[in-house]
Protein backbone atom coordinates (compact mmCIF):
# COMPACT_ATOMS: atom_id res chain seq x y z
CA MET A 1 0.00 0.00 0.00
CA THR A 2 1.27 3.47 -0.93
CA ILE A 3 -0.40 6.59 0.42
CA TYR A 4 0.06 10.00 -1.19
CA LYS A 5 -0.82 13.26 0.54
CA ALA A 6 -1.53 16.45 -1.42
CA ASN A 7 -4.33 18.80 -2.45
CA ILE A 8 -6.49 16.38 -4.41
CA LEU A 9 -8.87 17.36 -7.23
CA PHE A 10 -10.82 15.15 -9.65
CA THR A 11 -14.27 14.90 -11.27
CA LYS A 12 -16.63 12.04 -10.45
CA GLN A 13 -19.32 13.94 -12.34
CA ASN A 14 -18.86 16.54 -15.02
CA ASP A 15 -20.46 19.46 -13.19
CA TYR A 16 -18.25 19.81 -10.13
CA PHE A 17 -14.81 19.08 -8.71
CA GLU A 18 -14.17 16.70 -5.85
CA VAL A 19 -11.77 18.73 -3.69
CA ILE A 20 -9.85 17.28 -0.72
CA PRO A 21 -7.41 19.81 0.76
CA ASN A 22 -4.41 18.07 2.30
CA GLY A 23 -6.06 14.79 1.42
CA PHE A 24 -4.84 11.24 1.08
CA VAL A 25 -5.13 8.71 -1.75
CA ALA A 26 -4.31 5.09 -0.98
CA VAL A 27 -2.98 2.95 -3.86
CA ARG A 28 -2.31 -0.79 -3.96
CA ASP A 29 -0.93 -2.56 -7.05
CA GLY A 30 -1.70 0.50 -9.14
CA ILE A 31 -5.36 0.67 -8.09
CA VAL A 32 -6.94 3.39 -5.96
CA GLN A 33 -8.20 1.94 -2.68
CA GLY A 34 -9.74 5.14 -1.39
CA VAL A 35 -9.47 8.92 -1.06
CA TYR A 36 -9.69 10.46 2.41
CA SER A 37 -9.64 13.81 4.16
CA GLU A 38 -8.35 11.92 7.21
CA LEU A 39 -6.75 8.49 7.16
CA PRO A 40 -8.94 5.70 8.54
CA ALA A 41 -7.69 3.85 11.61
CA ASP A 42 -6.38 0.85 9.67
CA LEU A 43 -4.11 3.10 7.57
CA ARG A 44 -2.81 5.48 10.22
CA TYR A 45 0.47 3.65 10.62
CA ALA A 46 1.12 3.24 6.90
CA GLU A 47 3.94 5.20 5.31
CA VAL A 48 2.73 8.44 3.73
CA ILE A 49 4.47 10.29 0.87
CA ASP A 50 3.69 13.93 1.59
CA TYR A 51 3.71 16.32 -1.37
CA GLY A 52 2.86 19.34 0.76
CA ASP A 53 0.86 22.14 -0.87
CA ARG A 54 1.03 20.77 -4.41
CA LEU A 55 -1.95 19.60 -6.50
CA LEU A 56 -2.61 15.94 -7.31
CA ILE A 57 -4.92 15.40 -10.28
CA PRO A 58 -5.72 12.59 -12.74
CA ALA A 59 -3.40 12.34 -15.75
CA MET A 60 -4.50 13.40 -19.23
CA ASN A 61 -5.85 11.16 -22.00
CA ASP A 62 -5.55 11.96 -25.72
CA LEU A 63 -8.25 10.17 -27.72
CA HIS A 64 -7.13 11.20 -31.20
CA VAL A 65 -3.62 11.89 -32.44
CA HIS A 66 -1.64 11.05 -35.57
CA ALA A 67 1.75 10.04 -34.23
CA SER A 68 3.19 9.97 -37.75
CA GLN A 69 2.33 13.64 -38.27
CA TYR A 70 4.36 14.80 -35.26
CA HIS A 71 7.10 16.29 -37.47
CA ASN A 72 4.52 18.47 -39.27
CA GLN A 73 3.24 20.02 -36.05
CA GLY A 74 2.64 23.75 -36.46
CA ILE A 75 3.02 23.97 -40.24
CA ALA A 76 0.56 24.00 -43.15
CA MET A 77 -2.09 25.72 -41.08
CA ASP A 78 -3.41 27.65 -44.11
CA MET A 79 -5.27 24.82 -45.85
CA GLU A 80 -8.56 23.00 -45.46
CA LEU A 81 -8.67 19.28 -44.70
CA LEU A 82 -8.50 17.57 -48.11
CA PRO A 83 -5.72 19.67 -49.76
CA TRP A 84 -3.86 19.59 -46.43
CA LEU A 85 -3.87 15.78 -46.58
CA GLU A 86 -2.62 15.67 -50.16
CA ASN A 87 0.09 18.31 -49.89
CA TYR A 88 1.52 17.77 -46.42
CA THR A 89 0.20 14.75 -44.54
CA PHE A 90 0.56 11.96 -47.08
CA PRO A 91 4.13 12.97 -48.08
CA GLU A 92 5.15 12.89 -44.41
CA GLU A 93 3.54 9.51 -43.76
CA ILE A 94 5.37 7.97 -46.73
CA LYS A 95 8.62 8.54 -44.82
CA TYR A 96 7.61 5.96 -42.21
CA ALA A 97 8.54 3.14 -44.56
CA ASP A 98 12.01 3.92 -43.15
CA THR A 99 12.08 2.43 -39.65
CA ASN A 100 15.06 4.58 -38.65
CA TYR A 101 13.08 7.72 -39.42
CA ALA A 102 10.08 6.26 -37.58
CA LYS A 103 12.17 5.50 -34.51
CA ARG A 104 13.53 9.05 -34.33
CA MET A 105 10.17 10.74 -34.80
CA TYR A 106 8.11 8.37 -32.66
CA SER A 107 10.56 8.61 -29.75
CA ARG A 108 10.15 12.40 -29.77
CA PHE A 109 6.39 12.02 -29.96
CA VAL A 110 6.22 9.68 -26.94
CA HIS A 111 8.63 11.91 -25.02
CA ASP A 112 6.42 14.96 -25.57
CA LEU A 113 3.27 13.12 -24.55
CA TRP A 114 5.07 12.37 -21.30
CA ARG A 115 6.20 15.98 -21.01
CA PHE A 116 2.64 17.28 -21.23
CA GLY A 117 1.23 14.73 -18.77
CA THR A 118 -0.64 12.50 -21.23
CA MET A 119 -0.40 8.97 -19.87
CA ARG A 120 -2.93 7.30 -22.20
CA THR A 121 -3.19 7.81 -25.94
CA VAL A 122 -5.22 6.56 -28.90
CA ALA A 123 -2.89 6.96 -31.87
CA PHE A 124 -2.87 6.53 -35.63
CA ALA A 125 0.44 5.22 -36.99
CA THR A 126 0.77 4.62 -40.77
CA ILE A 127 0.15 1.69 -43.11
CA HIS A 128 3.65 0.36 -42.30
CA GLU A 129 3.66 -2.75 -40.12
CA GLU A 130 7.18 -2.46 -38.70
CA SER A 131 6.92 1.24 -37.91
CA THR A 132 3.62 0.59 -36.15
CA ARG A 133 5.30 -2.08 -34.03
CA LEU A 134 8.06 0.41 -33.18
CA LEU A 135 5.55 2.91 -31.86
CA MET A 136 3.90 0.26 -29.71
CA GLN A 137 7.27 -0.81 -28.35
CA LEU A 138 8.19 2.78 -27.46
CA PHE A 139 4.96 3.17 -25.50
CA GLU A 140 5.65 -0.13 -23.71
CA LYS A 141 9.20 0.88 -22.85
CA ALA A 142 7.97 4.19 -21.46
CA GLY A 143 5.30 2.49 -19.31
CA MET A 144 2.53 4.61 -20.83
CA GLY A 145 -0.83 3.31 -22.03
CA ALA A 146 -1.92 3.38 -25.67
CA PHE A 147 -4.10 1.95 -28.38
CA VAL A 148 -2.04 2.09 -31.57
CA GLY A 149 -3.55 1.59 -35.01
CA LYS A 150 -1.87 0.45 -38.19
CA VAL A 151 -3.67 2.66 -40.69
CA ASP A 152 -5.62 0.93 -43.47
CA MET A 153 -6.35 2.63 -46.80
CA ASN A 154 -6.40 1.65 -50.44
CA ARG A 155 -7.87 4.49 -52.49
CA ASN A 156 -7.59 8.27 -52.94
CA CYS A 157 -4.06 8.34 -51.59
CA PRO A 158 -0.52 8.10 -53.05
CA ALA A 159 0.61 4.76 -54.45
CA GLU A 160 3.20 4.50 -51.66
CA LEU A 161 0.38 4.50 -49.08
CA THR A 162 -1.98 2.19 -50.96
CA GLU A 163 -2.31 -1.39 -49.74
CA ASP A 164 -4.02 -4.46 -51.07
CA THR A 165 -6.83 -5.38 -48.68
CA ASN A 166 -5.51 -8.88 -48.08
CA GLU A 167 -2.01 -7.57 -47.35
CA ALA A 168 -3.40 -4.95 -44.97
CA MET A 169 -5.33 -7.60 -43.06
CA ARG A 170 -2.28 -9.90 -42.97
CA ALA A 171 -0.20 -7.12 -41.42
CA ASN A 172 -2.95 -6.33 -38.92
CA GLU A 173 -3.29 -9.96 -37.91
CA ALA A 174 0.48 -10.28 -37.49
CA ILE A 175 0.49 -7.34 -35.08
CA ILE A 176 -2.57 -8.64 -33.25
CA ASP A 177 -1.15 -12.14 -32.93
CA SER A 178 2.15 -10.91 -31.56
CA TYR A 179 0.41 -8.80 -28.94
CA ARG A 180 -1.98 -11.57 -28.00
CA GLN A 181 1.01 -13.85 -27.45
CA ALA A 182 2.96 -11.30 -25.44
CA ASN A 183 -0.02 -10.06 -23.40
CA ARG A 184 -2.19 -13.01 -22.50
CA SER A 185 -4.04 -11.02 -19.85
CA HIS A 186 -6.49 -8.23 -20.66
CA SER A 187 -4.45 -5.78 -18.60
CA ALA A 188 -1.79 -4.87 -21.16
CA LEU A 189 -1.09 -1.13 -21.30
CA VAL A 190 -0.45 -1.12 -25.06
CA ASN A 191 -2.84 -2.73 -27.54
CA PRO A 192 -3.77 -2.64 -31.23
CA ILE A 193 -6.86 -0.84 -32.53
CA VAL A 194 -8.51 -1.30 -35.95
CA THR A 195 -7.91 1.88 -37.96
CA PRO A 196 -9.55 2.47 -41.35
CA ARG A 197 -8.38 6.03 -42.05
CA PHE A 198 -11.78 7.26 -43.18
CA ILE A 199 -14.33 6.19 -45.75
CA PRO A 200 -12.90 8.20 -48.70
CA SER A 201 -9.59 6.32 -48.38
CA CYS A 202 -11.09 2.82 -48.03
CA THR A 203 -12.94 0.75 -50.62
CA PRO A 204 -15.99 -1.25 -49.51
CA ASP A 205 -13.93 -4.44 -49.34
CA MET A 206 -11.35 -2.72 -47.10
CA LEU A 207 -14.07 -1.35 -44.81
CA ARG A 208 -15.76 -4.75 -44.65
CA ALA A 209 -12.45 -6.46 -43.85
CA CYS A 210 -11.76 -3.96 -41.05
CA GLY A 211 -15.19 -4.58 -39.55
CA ASP A 212 -14.69 -8.34 -39.74
CA LEU A 213 -11.25 -8.00 -38.12
CA ALA A 214 -12.62 -5.95 -35.22
CA ARG A 215 -15.40 -8.46 -34.55
CA LYS A 216 -13.14 -11.49 -34.92
CA TYR A 217 -10.69 -10.26 -32.29
CA GLN A 218 -13.12 -8.04 -30.35
CA LEU A 219 -10.86 -5.07 -30.95
CA PRO A 220 -11.79 -1.39 -30.70
CA ILE A 221 -12.05 0.87 -33.75
CA GLN A 222 -10.98 4.44 -34.52
CA SER A 223 -11.65 6.68 -37.49
CA HIS A 224 -12.93 10.12 -38.57
CA LEU A 225 -16.51 11.31 -38.93
CA SER A 226 -18.29 14.38 -40.33
CA GLU A 227 -15.29 16.66 -40.02
CA ASN A 228 -15.64 18.74 -43.17
CA LYS A 229 -18.53 19.58 -45.51
CA ASN A 230 -16.66 18.57 -48.66
CA GLU A 231 -15.69 15.30 -46.99
CA ILE A 232 -19.34 14.56 -46.14
CA LYS A 233 -20.41 15.28 -49.72
CA TRP A 234 -17.66 12.96 -50.95
CA VAL A 235 -18.84 10.16 -48.67
CA GLN A 236 -22.39 10.56 -50.00
CA GLU A 237 -21.04 10.02 -53.52
CA LEU A 238 -18.91 7.02 -52.51
CA GLU A 239 -21.57 5.33 -50.35
CA PRO A 240 -24.91 6.30 -51.94
CA GLU A 241 -26.80 3.52 -50.13
CA SER A 242 -25.93 4.97 -46.72
CA LYS A 243 -28.34 7.37 -45.04
CA PHE A 244 -25.52 9.48 -43.62
CA TYR A 245 -21.76 9.28 -42.96
CA GLY A 246 -22.03 7.31 -39.70
CA ASP A 247 -24.48 4.89 -41.29
CA ALA A 248 -21.79 3.94 -43.82
CA TYR A 249 -19.48 2.89 -40.97
CA TYR A 250 -22.38 1.10 -39.26
CA ARG A 251 -23.11 -0.96 -42.37
CA TYR A 252 -19.52 -2.25 -42.29
CA SER A 253 -19.63 -3.08 -38.53
CA LEU A 254 -17.39 -0.12 -37.71
CA PHE A 255 -19.73 1.93 -35.55
CA GLY A 256 -20.08 0.61 -32.04
CA GLN A 257 -20.25 -3.10 -32.78
CA THR A 258 -17.01 -3.05 -30.77
CA PRO A 259 -15.82 -0.01 -28.75
CA THR A 260 -15.45 2.86 -31.21
CA ILE A 261 -13.90 6.33 -31.26
CA MET A 262 -14.92 8.75 -33.99
CA ALA A 263 -12.99 11.99 -34.22
CA HIS A 264 -14.54 15.41 -34.87
CA CYS A 265 -18.33 15.05 -35.55
CA VAL A 266 -18.53 18.75 -36.41
CA TYR A 267 -21.48 18.34 -38.78
CA SER A 268 -23.23 15.25 -37.42
CA SER A 269 -26.94 15.24 -38.19
CA PRO A 270 -29.57 14.45 -35.52
CA GLU A 271 -29.88 10.97 -37.04
CA GLU A 272 -26.15 10.42 -36.85
CA ILE A 273 -26.03 11.67 -33.26
CA GLU A 274 -28.86 9.33 -32.32
CA LEU A 275 -26.98 6.38 -33.83
CA MET A 276 -23.80 7.39 -31.97
CA SER A 277 -25.73 7.49 -28.71
CA ARG A 278 -27.42 4.15 -29.36
CA GLN A 279 -24.14 2.47 -30.40
CA LYS A 280 -22.16 4.06 -27.53
CA VAL A 281 -19.67 5.61 -29.95
CA LEU A 282 -17.18 7.87 -28.15
CA VAL A 283 -16.48 11.21 -29.84
CA ALA A 284 -12.95 12.64 -29.80
CA HIS A 285 -13.45 16.40 -29.81
CA CYS A 286 -10.44 18.14 -31.42
CA PRO A 287 -11.03 21.90 -31.23
CA THR A 288 -7.54 23.03 -32.31
CA SER A 289 -7.69 20.87 -35.42
CA ASN A 290 -11.22 22.00 -36.29
CA LEU A 291 -10.06 25.63 -36.12
CA ASN A 292 -6.80 25.15 -38.02
CA VAL A 293 -8.21 23.32 -41.04
CA SER A 294 -11.38 25.45 -41.09
CA SER A 295 -13.72 22.60 -40.31
CA GLY A 296 -16.02 24.37 -37.88
CA MET A 297 -17.17 24.15 -34.27
CA ALA A 298 -18.32 20.77 -32.99
CA PRO A 299 -21.67 20.94 -31.12
CA VAL A 300 -20.32 19.37 -27.94
CA ARG A 301 -23.28 20.41 -25.77
CA THR A 302 -25.71 18.88 -28.27
CA LEU A 303 -23.72 15.65 -28.24
CA LEU A 304 -23.63 15.53 -24.44
CA ASN A 305 -27.34 16.28 -24.16
CA ALA A 306 -28.03 13.38 -26.53
CA GLY A 307 -26.13 10.99 -24.26
CA VAL A 308 -23.02 10.74 -26.44
CA ARG A 309 -19.73 10.31 -24.56
CA VAL A 310 -17.10 12.88 -25.50
CA GLY A 311 -13.36 13.05 -24.82
CA LEU A 312 -10.61 15.32 -26.10
CA GLY A 313 -7.97 14.83 -28.77
CA SER A 314 -4.95 16.89 -29.82
CA ASP A 315 -5.21 15.65 -33.43
CA ILE A 316 -1.59 16.41 -34.19
CA SER A 317 -0.79 17.72 -36.76
CA ALA A 318 -4.00 19.38 -37.91
CA GLY A 319 -4.03 20.36 -34.27
CA HIS A 320 -0.92 22.31 -33.34
CA ASP A 321 -0.63 21.56 -29.62
CA LEU A 322 0.03 18.22 -27.93
CA SER A 323 -0.96 19.51 -24.47
CA ILE A 324 -4.43 18.31 -23.50
CA PHE A 325 -4.53 21.08 -20.91
CA ARG A 326 -4.40 23.63 -23.72
CA VAL A 327 -6.85 21.58 -25.78
CA MET A 328 -9.14 21.88 -22.73
CA VAL A 329 -8.90 25.68 -22.96
CA TYR A 330 -9.69 25.63 -26.69
CA ALA A 331 -12.67 23.34 -26.06
CA ILE A 332 -14.09 25.86 -23.59
CA GLN A 333 -13.44 28.81 -25.89
CA VAL A 334 -14.93 27.11 -28.95
CA SER A 335 -18.02 26.17 -26.94
CA LYS A 336 -18.41 29.84 -25.98
CA MET A 337 -18.40 30.89 -29.64
CA HIS A 338 -20.87 28.13 -30.45
CA TYR A 339 -23.03 29.34 -27.56
CA ARG A 340 -22.99 32.91 -28.88
CA GLN A 341 -23.69 31.95 -32.49
CA HIS A 342 -26.65 29.79 -31.52
CA GLN A 343 -28.53 32.44 -29.57
CA GLU A 344 -27.20 31.08 -26.29
CA SER A 345 -29.33 27.94 -26.53
CA CYS A 346 -26.36 25.60 -25.97
CA PRO A 347 -24.57 26.53 -22.72
CA PHE A 348 -20.79 26.61 -23.05
CA LEU A 349 -18.48 24.18 -21.27
CA THR A 350 -17.33 24.89 -17.75
CA LEU A 351 -13.84 24.06 -16.50
CA SER A 352 -15.10 21.02 -14.57
CA GLU A 353 -16.84 19.72 -17.71
CA ALA A 354 -13.75 20.15 -19.89
CA PHE A 355 -11.61 18.53 -17.20
CA TYR A 356 -14.06 15.61 -17.01
CA LEU A 357 -13.85 15.17 -20.80
CA ALA A 358 -10.05 14.99 -20.59
CA THR A 359 -9.95 12.62 -17.62
CA LYS A 360 -12.85 10.36 -16.66
CA SER A 361 -14.81 10.48 -19.92
CA ALA A 362 -11.79 9.94 -22.17
CA GLY A 363 -10.28 7.51 -19.68
CA SER A 364 -13.35 5.28 -19.91
CA PHE A 365 -12.06 4.01 -23.26
CA PHE A 366 -9.14 2.42 -21.37
CA GLY A 367 -11.23 0.97 -18.54
CA LYS A 368 -11.44 2.46 -15.07
CA VAL A 369 -9.11 5.36 -15.81
CA GLY A 370 -9.31 9.10 -15.24
CA SER A 371 -10.60 9.42 -11.67
CA PHE A 372 -9.47 8.80 -8.11
CA GLU A 373 -12.56 6.79 -7.23
CA GLN A 374 -12.10 3.42 -5.57
CA GLY A 375 -11.15 0.75 -8.10
CA TYR A 376 -9.72 3.17 -10.65
CA GLU A 377 -6.20 2.82 -11.98
CA PHE A 378 -3.90 5.42 -10.47
CA ASP A 379 -2.98 7.65 -13.40
CA ALA A 380 -1.93 10.93 -11.85
CA LEU A 381 0.02 14.17 -12.17
CA LEU A 382 1.64 16.13 -9.36
CA ILE A 383 1.44 19.85 -10.09
CA ASP A 384 3.65 22.48 -8.48
CA ASP A 385 1.87 25.78 -9.16
CA SER A 386 3.91 27.90 -6.75
CA ASN A 387 5.20 30.08 -9.61
CA LEU A 388 1.62 31.07 -10.47
CA ASN A 389 1.25 33.12 -7.27
CA HIS A 390 -1.83 31.30 -6.02
CA GLY A 391 -2.14 33.46 -2.91
CA ASP A 392 -5.66 33.24 -1.50
CA TYR A 393 -7.15 31.36 -4.46
CA SER A 394 -9.27 28.28 -3.80
CA LEU A 395 -7.96 24.91 -4.99
CA PRO A 396 -10.27 24.87 -8.07
CA GLN A 397 -9.06 28.38 -8.91
CA ARG A 398 -5.46 27.25 -8.58
CA LEU A 399 -6.19 24.39 -10.95
CA GLU A 400 -7.86 26.79 -13.37
CA ARG A 401 -4.83 29.09 -13.34
CA PHE A 402 -2.56 26.12 -14.05
CA VAL A 403 -4.78 24.99 -16.95
CA TYR A 404 -4.77 28.47 -18.50
CA LEU A 405 -1.34 29.77 -17.48
CA GLY A 406 0.86 26.80 -16.58
CA ASP A 407 2.88 24.45 -18.74
CA ASP A 408 4.82 21.20 -18.59
CA ARG A 409 7.38 22.72 -16.22
CA ASN A 410 4.71 22.72 -13.52
CA ILE A 411 4.26 18.94 -13.81
CA GLN A 412 6.63 17.42 -11.27
CA LEU A 413 5.63 13.75 -11.31
CA ARG A 414 3.66 11.49 -13.64
CA PHE A 415 2.05 8.15 -12.76
CA CYS A 416 0.47 5.50 -15.00
CA ARG A 417 -1.28 2.57 -13.35
CA GLY A 418 0.47 3.40 -10.07
CA LYS A 419 3.98 3.45 -11.51
CA GLN A 420 5.96 6.68 -11.54
CA ILE A 421 6.94 7.28 -15.17
CA ALA A 422 10.46 8.47 -15.85
CA GLU A 423 11.36 10.69 -18.79
CA PRO A 424 11.45 8.56 -21.97
CA GLU A 425 14.57 8.43 -24.12
CA ILE A 426 14.78 10.50 -27.30
CA ILE A 427 16.45 8.46 -30.05
CA GLN A 428 18.84 10.46 -32.23
């Protein structure tokens, strides 16, 4: 049993913070046993690690990021989605056929996730089997949790990124088999996820094969949905029998038949939102990306009111910032603009709601992750906000100032499943 003492904040519900000043969290084998304002009698003689006046909060979760686009972060921000893919993204992803290049870039990517306090990630790799394995191995070596997807696509992309469906499925099965052999329990921190890029880049036989693969191995799925108006029009042309974009995924068993993340959902229709709610599809809201490639403002309040689970994603490199704390700020700001444009009928996100999206809601994709409730895995960050002059601020106000004004230098310690995570190596 390990007991940590600090100012503890987390969100059981999305509308308020649980706040325990000078509180205690008891952890055994990486699992939270309880959170206390005073230690119970049976724990009073246990060793306590006292972090003084610092803040202890759940670690961040990134539900949508393209690891292979890390090198492009912060460039090509003057294009919309489809030309951005053709001119910048696909040429960068071609480079990952070279495993030495992949190792250098992916090690920097994992290092920066660590730096910004993201302990669990749902990542797109590329079509390349060996580079995808490398990314998974880097996450494993770091001790950080991830679902990593070998991307599948076979149309509307460069020849170097086009795969035969059978070859794509063979590579997927090879990765799956190796991880099933290495991780016979269901508690592995790093796992594969079925990843058709999006419908415009996958023929019907590729989509069908991905759905069959997910059901065969009971694997989760990730892709993109209703991000851009031209993209939606394109999907209507490619899948004329589908009622809407999400229905096309549903017809190929890629929409909640196994746990599913769909990124963006900026222009989801009421029918699509209803299907997402019914199929328990989790939306990865990526506000920085939606702004940068001129997609629009996702109706997060509408999604939440419809019973759709929502988490946050950095969406590097359409998104320019890997810090989920800053993504949190953008999510709040975008919701305020959406609120103003829609005659104030959709209340904007509060800090506790945005924090909940980044922690407990997003963490639910990984199991019991993202809270300090009993039975949850202890993923945590220790925050030293002394440089932010907290003075007489309340603990929630101190957390708010860190979210808006702090950075990775304020994060002193990082934990994933109870283990303190050291700084990962950058490979030169």
